[in-house]
N, C-alpha and C. Protein backbone atom coordinates (compact mmCIF):
# COMPACT_ATOMS: atom_id res chain seq x y z
N MET A 1 35.36 -15.20 -11.41
CA MET A 1 34.82 -14.89 -10.10
C MET A 1 34.43 -13.41 -10.00
N ALA A 2 35.27 -12.52 -10.54
CA ALA A 2 34.98 -11.09 -10.47
C ALA A 2 33.70 -10.76 -11.21
N MET A 3 33.46 -11.44 -12.33
CA MET A 3 32.23 -11.20 -13.09
C MET A 3 31.00 -11.60 -12.28
N VAL A 4 31.07 -12.70 -11.55
CA VAL A 4 29.95 -13.16 -10.73
C VAL A 4 29.68 -12.17 -9.61
N LEU A 5 30.73 -11.72 -8.92
CA LEU A 5 30.55 -10.75 -7.83
C LEU A 5 30.05 -9.41 -8.37
N GLY A 6 30.56 -8.99 -9.53
CA GLY A 6 30.11 -7.75 -10.14
C GLY A 6 28.65 -7.81 -10.50
N ALA A 7 28.19 -8.95 -10.98
CA ALA A 7 26.78 -9.11 -11.33
C ALA A 7 25.91 -9.00 -10.09
N CYS A 8 26.38 -9.54 -8.97
CA CYS A 8 25.61 -9.44 -7.73
C CYS A 8 25.49 -8.00 -7.27
N ALA A 9 26.57 -7.24 -7.40
CA ALA A 9 26.56 -5.85 -6.94
C ALA A 9 25.63 -5.00 -7.79
N ALA A 10 25.42 -5.37 -9.04
CA ALA A 10 24.60 -4.58 -9.94
C ALA A 10 23.13 -4.99 -9.92
N ARG A 11 22.78 -5.93 -9.08
CA ARG A 11 21.39 -6.38 -9.04
C ARG A 11 20.47 -5.27 -8.60
N ASP A 12 19.29 -5.26 -9.14
CA ASP A 12 18.30 -4.27 -8.78
C ASP A 12 17.76 -4.57 -7.39
N PRO A 13 17.54 -3.54 -6.54
CA PRO A 13 17.04 -3.79 -5.19
C PRO A 13 15.68 -4.47 -5.15
N TYR A 14 14.89 -4.33 -6.22
CA TYR A 14 13.59 -4.99 -6.24
C TYR A 14 13.73 -6.47 -6.52
N VAL A 15 14.88 -6.86 -7.10
CA VAL A 15 15.11 -8.25 -7.44
C VAL A 15 15.75 -8.99 -6.27
N SER A 16 16.58 -8.32 -5.53
CA SER A 16 17.25 -8.94 -4.40
C SER A 16 16.76 -8.32 -3.11
N SER A 17 17.08 -8.97 -2.01
CA SER A 17 16.61 -8.44 -0.72
C SER A 17 17.63 -7.51 -0.08
N GLY A 18 18.76 -7.28 -0.72
CA GLY A 18 19.75 -6.35 -0.18
C GLY A 18 19.17 -4.95 -0.11
N GLY A 19 19.57 -4.18 0.90
CA GLY A 19 19.11 -2.81 1.00
C GLY A 19 17.76 -2.65 1.67
N THR A 20 17.24 -3.70 2.26
CA THR A 20 15.99 -3.57 2.99
C THR A 20 16.26 -3.70 4.48
N ARG A 21 15.39 -3.10 5.25
CA ARG A 21 15.47 -3.26 6.71
C ARG A 21 14.10 -3.65 7.22
N GLN A 22 14.07 -4.17 8.40
CA GLN A 22 12.84 -4.65 9.03
C GLN A 22 12.38 -3.64 10.08
N SER A 23 11.09 -3.42 10.15
CA SER A 23 10.47 -2.66 11.24
C SER A 23 9.23 -3.43 11.65
N GLY A 24 9.30 -4.17 12.73
CA GLY A 24 8.19 -5.03 13.11
C GLY A 24 7.98 -6.06 12.02
N ASN A 25 6.79 -6.09 11.45
CA ASN A 25 6.47 -7.02 10.37
C ASN A 25 6.76 -6.45 8.97
N TRP A 26 7.21 -5.23 8.89
CA TRP A 26 7.39 -4.53 7.63
C TRP A 26 8.78 -4.71 7.05
N GLN A 27 8.86 -4.78 5.72
CA GLN A 27 10.12 -4.70 4.98
C GLN A 27 10.17 -3.29 4.40
N ILE A 28 11.25 -2.57 4.66
CA ILE A 28 11.38 -1.20 4.20
C ILE A 28 12.54 -1.12 3.21
N GLU A 29 12.25 -0.64 2.03
CA GLU A 29 13.25 -0.50 0.97
C GLU A 29 14.12 0.71 1.26
N GLN A 30 15.42 0.54 1.14
CA GLN A 30 16.35 1.63 1.41
C GLN A 30 17.30 1.90 0.25
N GLN A 31 16.92 1.54 -0.94
CA GLN A 31 17.77 1.74 -2.11
C GLN A 31 17.39 3.01 -2.85
N ALA A 32 18.32 3.49 -3.67
CA ALA A 32 18.03 4.61 -4.56
C ALA A 32 17.64 4.04 -5.92
N ASP A 33 16.76 4.75 -6.61
CA ASP A 33 16.36 4.36 -7.96
C ASP A 33 17.59 4.41 -8.86
N ARG A 34 17.80 3.38 -9.64
CA ARG A 34 18.99 3.30 -10.47
C ARG A 34 18.93 4.24 -11.66
N ILE A 35 17.80 4.80 -11.97
CA ILE A 35 17.67 5.75 -13.08
C ILE A 35 17.86 7.18 -12.58
N THR A 36 17.12 7.55 -11.53
CA THR A 36 17.13 8.94 -11.05
C THR A 36 18.10 9.20 -9.91
N GLY A 37 18.50 8.15 -9.20
CA GLY A 37 19.37 8.32 -8.04
C GLY A 37 18.61 8.74 -6.78
N VAL A 38 17.32 8.95 -6.91
CA VAL A 38 16.48 9.38 -5.80
C VAL A 38 16.09 8.15 -4.97
N PRO A 39 16.07 8.27 -3.64
CA PRO A 39 15.63 7.13 -2.82
C PRO A 39 14.23 6.67 -3.22
N THR A 40 14.03 5.36 -3.20
CA THR A 40 12.72 4.79 -3.55
C THR A 40 11.91 4.58 -2.28
N PRO A 41 10.87 5.38 -2.08
CA PRO A 41 10.05 5.20 -0.88
C PRO A 41 9.17 3.97 -1.03
N TYR A 42 9.34 2.99 -0.12
CA TYR A 42 8.60 1.75 -0.28
C TYR A 42 8.63 0.96 1.03
N ALA A 43 7.48 0.54 1.48
CA ALA A 43 7.39 -0.34 2.65
C ALA A 43 6.32 -1.38 2.36
N MET A 44 6.56 -2.61 2.79
CA MET A 44 5.65 -3.70 2.47
C MET A 44 5.49 -4.64 3.66
N VAL A 45 4.27 -5.14 3.82
CA VAL A 45 3.99 -6.18 4.80
C VAL A 45 3.12 -7.24 4.10
N VAL A 46 3.28 -8.48 4.53
CA VAL A 46 2.56 -9.59 3.89
C VAL A 46 1.57 -10.20 4.87
N ALA A 47 0.36 -10.44 4.38
CA ALA A 47 -0.61 -11.26 5.12
C ALA A 47 -0.32 -12.69 4.68
N PRO A 48 0.04 -13.57 5.60
CA PRO A 48 0.38 -14.94 5.20
C PRO A 48 -0.72 -15.65 4.42
N GLU A 49 -1.95 -15.34 4.73
CA GLU A 49 -3.08 -15.95 4.02
C GLU A 49 -4.18 -14.94 3.81
N SER A 50 -4.71 -14.93 2.61
CA SER A 50 -5.93 -14.19 2.31
C SER A 50 -6.87 -15.18 1.65
N SER A 51 -8.15 -14.97 1.86
CA SER A 51 -9.11 -15.93 1.30
C SER A 51 -10.05 -15.23 0.34
N ASN A 52 -10.56 -16.02 -0.59
CA ASN A 52 -11.54 -15.54 -1.55
C ASN A 52 -12.59 -16.63 -1.70
N SER A 53 -13.86 -16.24 -1.71
CA SER A 53 -14.93 -17.23 -1.76
C SER A 53 -14.91 -18.06 -3.04
N TYR A 54 -14.24 -17.61 -4.09
CA TYR A 54 -14.16 -18.39 -5.33
C TYR A 54 -12.83 -19.12 -5.49
N ALA A 55 -11.85 -18.84 -4.63
CA ALA A 55 -10.55 -19.49 -4.74
C ALA A 55 -10.55 -20.80 -3.96
N GLU A 56 -9.83 -21.78 -4.49
CA GLU A 56 -9.78 -23.10 -3.84
C GLU A 56 -8.95 -23.11 -2.57
N LYS A 57 -7.92 -22.26 -2.50
CA LYS A 57 -7.09 -22.23 -1.30
C LYS A 57 -6.64 -20.81 -1.00
N ALA A 58 -6.26 -20.59 0.24
CA ALA A 58 -5.78 -19.28 0.67
C ALA A 58 -4.43 -18.98 0.02
N ALA A 59 -4.11 -17.70 -0.10
CA ALA A 59 -2.84 -17.27 -0.67
C ALA A 59 -2.37 -16.01 0.05
N PRO A 60 -1.06 -15.75 0.05
CA PRO A 60 -0.57 -14.51 0.67
C PRO A 60 -1.10 -13.28 -0.05
N ALA A 61 -1.10 -12.16 0.65
CA ALA A 61 -1.47 -10.87 0.06
C ALA A 61 -0.46 -9.84 0.54
N GLY A 62 -0.26 -8.79 -0.23
CA GLY A 62 0.70 -7.76 0.13
C GLY A 62 0.04 -6.41 0.33
N LEU A 63 0.57 -5.66 1.28
CA LEU A 63 0.17 -4.27 1.51
C LEU A 63 1.42 -3.44 1.31
N HIS A 64 1.35 -2.44 0.44
CA HIS A 64 2.50 -1.61 0.11
C HIS A 64 2.17 -0.15 0.35
N LEU A 65 3.10 0.57 0.94
CA LEU A 65 3.01 2.01 1.11
C LEU A 65 4.10 2.61 0.25
N THR A 66 3.76 3.58 -0.59
CA THR A 66 4.76 4.18 -1.46
C THR A 66 4.36 5.59 -1.85
N CYS A 67 5.30 6.28 -2.44
CA CYS A 67 5.09 7.61 -2.97
C CYS A 67 5.27 7.49 -4.47
N PHE A 68 4.22 7.74 -5.24
CA PHE A 68 4.27 7.60 -6.70
C PHE A 68 3.98 8.95 -7.33
N ASP A 69 4.92 9.46 -8.10
CA ASP A 69 4.79 10.79 -8.71
C ASP A 69 4.45 11.86 -7.68
N GLY A 70 5.08 11.78 -6.52
CA GLY A 70 4.88 12.78 -5.47
C GLY A 70 3.59 12.64 -4.70
N LYS A 71 2.86 11.54 -4.92
CA LYS A 71 1.58 11.34 -4.24
C LYS A 71 1.62 10.05 -3.43
N PRO A 72 1.11 10.09 -2.19
CA PRO A 72 1.08 8.87 -1.38
C PRO A 72 0.06 7.88 -1.94
N LEU A 73 0.40 6.59 -1.83
CA LEU A 73 -0.43 5.54 -2.40
C LEU A 73 -0.39 4.32 -1.49
N VAL A 74 -1.55 3.70 -1.26
CA VAL A 74 -1.65 2.44 -0.54
C VAL A 74 -2.08 1.39 -1.55
N ARG A 75 -1.34 0.28 -1.61
CA ARG A 75 -1.60 -0.75 -2.63
C ARG A 75 -1.77 -2.11 -1.96
N PHE A 76 -2.83 -2.81 -2.35
CA PHE A 76 -3.08 -4.18 -1.89
C PHE A 76 -2.93 -5.09 -3.10
N ALA A 77 -2.14 -6.16 -2.97
CA ALA A 77 -1.92 -7.09 -4.08
C ALA A 77 -2.32 -8.50 -3.64
N PHE A 78 -3.09 -9.18 -4.49
CA PHE A 78 -3.59 -10.53 -4.21
C PHE A 78 -3.18 -11.47 -5.34
N ASP A 79 -3.27 -12.77 -5.09
CA ASP A 79 -2.95 -13.79 -6.09
C ASP A 79 -4.16 -14.20 -6.91
N PHE A 80 -5.33 -13.63 -6.63
CA PHE A 80 -6.54 -13.99 -7.35
C PHE A 80 -7.35 -12.73 -7.60
N LYS A 81 -8.29 -12.79 -8.53
CA LYS A 81 -9.15 -11.65 -8.83
C LYS A 81 -9.99 -11.33 -7.59
N VAL A 82 -10.04 -10.03 -7.26
CA VAL A 82 -10.78 -9.62 -6.05
C VAL A 82 -11.93 -8.67 -6.34
N GLY A 83 -12.05 -8.18 -7.57
CA GLY A 83 -13.14 -7.26 -7.84
C GLY A 83 -12.97 -6.56 -9.17
N SER A 84 -13.76 -5.53 -9.36
CA SER A 84 -13.68 -4.69 -10.56
C SER A 84 -14.19 -3.30 -10.21
N GLU A 85 -13.98 -2.38 -11.09
CA GLU A 85 -14.38 -0.99 -10.84
C GLU A 85 -15.88 -0.82 -10.60
N THR A 86 -16.69 -1.54 -11.32
CA THR A 86 -18.12 -1.24 -11.33
C THR A 86 -18.94 -1.92 -10.25
N ASN A 87 -18.46 -3.02 -9.66
CA ASN A 87 -19.34 -3.72 -8.72
C ASN A 87 -18.62 -4.28 -7.50
N SER A 88 -17.66 -3.53 -6.99
CA SER A 88 -16.88 -4.01 -5.84
C SER A 88 -16.73 -2.91 -4.80
N ALA A 89 -16.56 -3.33 -3.56
CA ALA A 89 -16.39 -2.37 -2.46
C ALA A 89 -15.33 -2.89 -1.50
N LEU A 90 -14.40 -2.01 -1.12
CA LEU A 90 -13.36 -2.35 -0.16
C LEU A 90 -13.68 -1.70 1.17
N GLY A 91 -13.46 -2.46 2.24
CA GLY A 91 -13.57 -1.95 3.59
C GLY A 91 -12.36 -2.38 4.38
N TYR A 92 -12.02 -1.62 5.43
CA TYR A 92 -10.90 -2.00 6.28
C TYR A 92 -11.14 -1.57 7.71
N ARG A 93 -10.40 -2.22 8.60
CA ARG A 93 -10.51 -1.91 10.03
C ARG A 93 -9.18 -2.21 10.71
N PHE A 94 -8.71 -1.28 11.53
CA PHE A 94 -7.52 -1.47 12.34
C PHE A 94 -7.93 -1.82 13.76
N ASP A 95 -7.35 -2.90 14.29
CA ASP A 95 -7.59 -3.31 15.67
C ASP A 95 -9.08 -3.22 16.02
N ASP A 96 -9.40 -2.51 17.11
CA ASP A 96 -10.79 -2.38 17.52
C ASP A 96 -11.36 -0.98 17.19
N LYS A 97 -10.68 -0.28 16.30
CA LYS A 97 -11.15 1.04 15.87
C LYS A 97 -12.35 0.86 14.94
N PRO A 98 -13.17 1.89 14.76
CA PRO A 98 -14.28 1.77 13.81
C PRO A 98 -13.77 1.50 12.40
N GLY A 99 -14.49 0.66 11.67
CA GLY A 99 -14.10 0.32 10.31
C GLY A 99 -14.58 1.33 9.30
N HIS A 100 -14.05 1.22 8.10
CA HIS A 100 -14.43 2.10 6.98
C HIS A 100 -14.85 1.21 5.81
N ASP A 101 -16.03 1.46 5.27
CA ASP A 101 -16.54 0.64 4.18
C ASP A 101 -16.73 1.52 2.94
N ASN A 102 -16.78 0.88 1.78
CA ASN A 102 -16.96 1.58 0.51
C ASN A 102 -15.92 2.68 0.31
N VAL A 103 -14.67 2.33 0.57
CA VAL A 103 -13.56 3.26 0.44
C VAL A 103 -13.32 3.53 -1.05
N ASN A 104 -12.97 4.76 -1.37
CA ASN A 104 -12.69 5.15 -2.75
C ASN A 104 -11.38 4.49 -3.19
N VAL A 105 -11.47 3.48 -4.07
CA VAL A 105 -10.30 2.73 -4.54
C VAL A 105 -10.36 2.55 -6.05
N ARG A 106 -9.25 2.05 -6.60
CA ARG A 106 -9.18 1.71 -8.03
C ARG A 106 -8.60 0.31 -8.15
N PHE A 107 -9.16 -0.49 -9.05
CA PHE A 107 -8.70 -1.86 -9.28
C PHE A 107 -7.77 -1.86 -10.50
N LEU A 108 -6.64 -2.58 -10.38
CA LEU A 108 -5.63 -2.64 -11.43
C LEU A 108 -5.27 -4.08 -11.75
N GLN A 109 -4.38 -4.27 -12.71
CA GLN A 109 -3.73 -5.54 -13.03
C GLN A 109 -4.63 -6.76 -12.95
N LEU A 110 -5.44 -6.93 -13.93
CA LEU A 110 -6.35 -8.08 -13.98
C LEU A 110 -7.23 -8.18 -12.74
N TYR A 111 -7.44 -7.05 -12.09
CA TYR A 111 -8.32 -6.95 -10.91
C TYR A 111 -7.79 -7.73 -9.71
N LYS A 112 -6.46 -7.89 -9.63
CA LYS A 112 -5.82 -8.54 -8.49
C LYS A 112 -5.15 -7.51 -7.57
N THR A 113 -5.13 -6.27 -7.99
CA THR A 113 -4.49 -5.19 -7.24
C THR A 113 -5.50 -4.08 -7.02
N VAL A 114 -5.51 -3.54 -5.80
CA VAL A 114 -6.41 -2.45 -5.43
C VAL A 114 -5.56 -1.33 -4.84
N VAL A 115 -5.81 -0.09 -5.25
CA VAL A 115 -5.04 1.04 -4.72
C VAL A 115 -5.97 2.10 -4.12
N ILE A 116 -5.48 2.68 -3.04
CA ILE A 116 -6.11 3.87 -2.46
C ILE A 116 -5.22 5.02 -2.89
N GLU A 117 -5.77 5.93 -3.69
CA GLU A 117 -5.02 7.07 -4.22
C GLU A 117 -5.50 8.40 -3.68
N ASP A 118 -6.75 8.45 -3.25
CA ASP A 118 -7.33 9.69 -2.75
C ASP A 118 -6.53 10.15 -1.53
N ARG A 119 -5.95 11.35 -1.61
CA ARG A 119 -5.07 11.85 -0.55
C ARG A 119 -5.74 11.84 0.82
N ALA A 120 -6.98 12.29 0.90
CA ALA A 120 -7.68 12.32 2.19
C ALA A 120 -7.83 10.90 2.75
N GLU A 121 -8.13 9.93 1.90
CA GLU A 121 -8.28 8.55 2.35
C GLU A 121 -6.93 7.96 2.75
N VAL A 122 -5.88 8.28 2.01
CA VAL A 122 -4.54 7.79 2.37
C VAL A 122 -4.12 8.38 3.72
N ILE A 123 -4.42 9.65 3.94
CA ILE A 123 -4.09 10.29 5.22
C ILE A 123 -4.83 9.61 6.36
N ARG A 124 -6.12 9.35 6.18
CA ARG A 124 -6.90 8.66 7.22
C ARG A 124 -6.34 7.27 7.47
N PHE A 125 -6.05 6.54 6.39
CA PHE A 125 -5.50 5.19 6.50
C PHE A 125 -4.18 5.22 7.28
N ALA A 126 -3.27 6.12 6.91
CA ALA A 126 -1.96 6.20 7.56
C ALA A 126 -2.08 6.59 9.02
N SER A 127 -2.99 7.51 9.35
CA SER A 127 -3.13 7.94 10.74
C SER A 127 -3.65 6.80 11.62
N GLU A 128 -4.53 5.95 11.08
CA GLU A 128 -5.03 4.83 11.85
C GLU A 128 -4.04 3.66 11.87
N LEU A 129 -3.25 3.54 10.81
CA LEU A 129 -2.24 2.49 10.73
C LEU A 129 -1.17 2.68 11.80
N ALA A 130 -0.76 3.92 12.02
CA ALA A 130 0.28 4.22 13.01
C ALA A 130 -0.15 3.70 14.38
N GLY A 131 0.65 2.85 14.97
CA GLY A 131 0.36 2.33 16.30
C GLY A 131 -0.59 1.13 16.32
N SER A 132 -1.10 0.71 15.16
CA SER A 132 -2.01 -0.44 15.13
C SER A 132 -1.22 -1.74 15.06
N ARG A 133 -1.88 -2.82 15.42
CA ARG A 133 -1.25 -4.15 15.38
C ARG A 133 -1.79 -5.02 14.25
N THR A 134 -3.07 -4.84 13.91
CA THR A 134 -3.72 -5.69 12.91
C THR A 134 -4.60 -4.86 11.99
N LEU A 135 -4.57 -5.19 10.72
CA LEU A 135 -5.44 -4.58 9.72
C LEU A 135 -6.22 -5.69 9.04
N VAL A 136 -7.54 -5.58 9.03
CA VAL A 136 -8.39 -6.51 8.29
C VAL A 136 -8.94 -5.76 7.09
N VAL A 137 -8.76 -6.34 5.91
CA VAL A 137 -9.27 -5.78 4.66
C VAL A 137 -10.29 -6.75 4.09
N ARG A 138 -11.43 -6.21 3.66
CA ARG A 138 -12.48 -7.04 3.06
C ARG A 138 -12.94 -6.39 1.77
N ILE A 139 -13.02 -7.19 0.73
CA ILE A 139 -13.52 -6.71 -0.55
C ILE A 139 -14.74 -7.55 -0.91
N ARG A 140 -15.86 -6.87 -1.18
CA ARG A 140 -17.07 -7.55 -1.65
C ARG A 140 -17.21 -7.24 -3.12
N SER A 141 -17.50 -8.27 -3.92
CA SER A 141 -17.61 -8.07 -5.35
C SER A 141 -18.68 -9.01 -5.93
N ILE A 142 -19.50 -8.49 -6.79
CA ILE A 142 -20.52 -9.32 -7.44
C ILE A 142 -19.86 -10.37 -8.32
N ASN A 143 -18.82 -10.00 -9.04
CA ASN A 143 -18.20 -10.96 -9.96
C ASN A 143 -16.96 -11.67 -9.42
N ALA A 144 -16.43 -11.27 -8.27
CA ALA A 144 -15.23 -11.92 -7.74
C ALA A 144 -15.41 -12.43 -6.31
N GLY A 145 -16.61 -12.46 -5.81
CA GLY A 145 -16.86 -13.00 -4.47
C GLY A 145 -16.39 -12.09 -3.35
N ARG A 146 -16.10 -12.71 -2.23
CA ARG A 146 -15.69 -11.98 -1.02
C ARG A 146 -14.25 -12.35 -0.72
N THR A 147 -13.42 -11.34 -0.51
CA THR A 147 -12.00 -11.53 -0.19
C THR A 147 -11.72 -10.92 1.17
N VAL A 148 -10.94 -11.63 2.00
CA VAL A 148 -10.54 -11.12 3.31
C VAL A 148 -9.05 -11.40 3.51
N ALA A 149 -8.35 -10.39 4.03
CA ALA A 149 -6.94 -10.54 4.39
C ALA A 149 -6.71 -9.86 5.73
N GLU A 150 -5.89 -10.48 6.55
CA GLU A 150 -5.52 -9.90 7.85
C GLU A 150 -4.02 -9.67 7.86
N PHE A 151 -3.63 -8.39 7.93
CA PHE A 151 -2.22 -8.02 7.89
C PHE A 151 -1.69 -7.73 9.29
N PRO A 152 -0.54 -8.30 9.65
CA PRO A 152 0.11 -7.95 10.91
C PRO A 152 0.91 -6.66 10.67
N VAL A 153 0.51 -5.54 11.26
CA VAL A 153 1.10 -4.24 10.91
C VAL A 153 1.95 -3.62 12.02
N ASP A 154 2.44 -4.44 12.97
CA ASP A 154 3.35 -3.92 13.98
C ASP A 154 4.54 -3.24 13.31
N GLY A 155 5.00 -2.14 13.86
CA GLY A 155 6.14 -1.43 13.29
C GLY A 155 5.77 -0.47 12.18
N ALA A 156 4.51 -0.11 12.11
CA ALA A 156 4.03 0.72 11.00
C ALA A 156 4.56 2.15 11.02
N GLY A 157 4.93 2.67 12.18
CA GLY A 157 5.43 4.05 12.23
C GLY A 157 6.60 4.27 11.30
N ALA A 158 7.60 3.40 11.39
CA ALA A 158 8.77 3.51 10.51
C ALA A 158 8.39 3.23 9.06
N ALA A 159 7.44 2.32 8.84
CA ALA A 159 7.00 1.99 7.48
C ALA A 159 6.29 3.19 6.84
N ILE A 160 5.48 3.89 7.60
CA ILE A 160 4.78 5.08 7.10
C ILE A 160 5.80 6.15 6.73
N GLU A 161 6.74 6.39 7.62
CA GLU A 161 7.76 7.41 7.38
C GLU A 161 8.58 7.07 6.13
N ALA A 162 9.01 5.83 6.01
CA ALA A 162 9.83 5.43 4.87
C ALA A 162 9.02 5.32 3.58
N GLY A 163 7.85 4.71 3.66
CA GLY A 163 7.04 4.49 2.47
C GLY A 163 6.51 5.77 1.84
N PHE A 164 6.22 6.75 2.67
CA PHE A 164 5.68 8.00 2.16
C PHE A 164 6.71 9.13 2.14
N ALA A 165 8.00 8.78 2.25
CA ALA A 165 9.05 9.79 2.17
C ALA A 165 8.96 10.49 0.82
N GLY A 166 8.99 11.80 0.83
CA GLY A 166 8.87 12.55 -0.41
C GLY A 166 7.45 12.90 -0.77
N CYS A 167 6.49 12.41 -0.01
CA CYS A 167 5.08 12.72 -0.23
C CYS A 167 4.55 13.48 0.98
N SER A 168 3.67 14.38 0.74
CA SER A 168 3.02 15.09 1.83
C SER A 168 1.82 14.29 2.32
N LEU A 169 1.73 14.12 3.62
CA LEU A 169 0.56 13.46 4.20
C LEU A 169 -0.34 14.50 4.88
N THR A 170 -0.43 15.66 4.27
CA THR A 170 -1.34 16.68 4.75
C THR A 170 -2.27 17.06 3.61
N GLU A 171 -3.45 17.49 3.97
CA GLU A 171 -4.42 17.92 2.96
C GLU A 171 -3.91 19.20 2.31
N PRO A 172 -4.02 19.31 0.99
CA PRO A 172 -3.65 20.57 0.34
C PRO A 172 -4.61 21.67 0.79
N GLN A 173 -4.06 22.85 0.98
CA GLN A 173 -4.88 23.98 1.40
C GLN A 173 -5.66 24.51 0.21
N PRO A 174 -6.95 24.86 0.43
CA PRO A 174 -7.72 25.43 -0.68
C PRO A 174 -7.09 26.74 -1.13
N ALA A 175 -7.15 27.00 -2.41
CA ALA A 175 -6.57 28.24 -2.94
C ALA A 175 -7.29 29.42 -2.31
N GLU A 176 -6.49 30.37 -1.89
CA GLU A 176 -7.09 31.56 -1.29
C GLU A 176 -7.83 32.35 -2.35
N LYS A 177 -8.93 32.94 -1.96
CA LYS A 177 -9.70 33.76 -2.90
C LYS A 177 -8.88 35.00 -3.24
N LYS A 178 -8.98 35.38 -4.52
CA LYS A 178 -8.30 36.59 -4.94
C LYS A 178 -8.96 37.79 -4.28
N ARG A 179 -8.11 38.73 -3.89
CA ARG A 179 -8.65 39.93 -3.26
C ARG A 179 -9.54 40.68 -4.23
N GLY A 180 -10.67 41.08 -3.75
CA GLY A 180 -11.59 41.85 -4.55
C GLY A 180 -12.54 40.97 -5.38
N ALA A 181 -12.31 39.68 -5.40
CA ALA A 181 -13.19 38.80 -6.19
C ALA A 181 -14.48 38.57 -5.41
N LYS A 182 -15.57 38.56 -6.12
CA LYS A 182 -16.85 38.32 -5.47
C LYS A 182 -17.06 36.83 -5.30
N ALA A 183 -17.64 36.43 -4.19
CA ALA A 183 -17.88 35.02 -3.90
C ALA A 183 -19.09 34.51 -4.60
């Protein structure tokens, strides 16, 4: 019995649901990394259904906020191919706010994952996410069709704070010109 309980206590937080808390529709990770001991900044919300013009049926999609190597990152994960680097475009819209199209993104993992890494774009995304109720994401792709997901994002304030803990959500200041240097 002790071995079984000990095995449960040693489970990784990503494998089990222990150590997470809820904020609205968001799951917020509250564990420390087992290698570094540093808290793992991570918040996730699921769209119950996302659709793709080439997929036979709808599937869930995930939206993740995290800090990776000291940089804020927004990650969208799908169960089907949604695009590629050369011929796809992502757009998003919060509630009734103006939408953003052709966002600077990168496609990963067999083209089922899309990330926003550009700090300025992550900052804009996070500022509009705060206080919003719904996020619609649309990806247009020549080779993967059209994908749409609607995420319920209530409770995003705590998710932004937790997911981007350890990352700066401010634009880096341009290096000051050296005194005496000609422009």
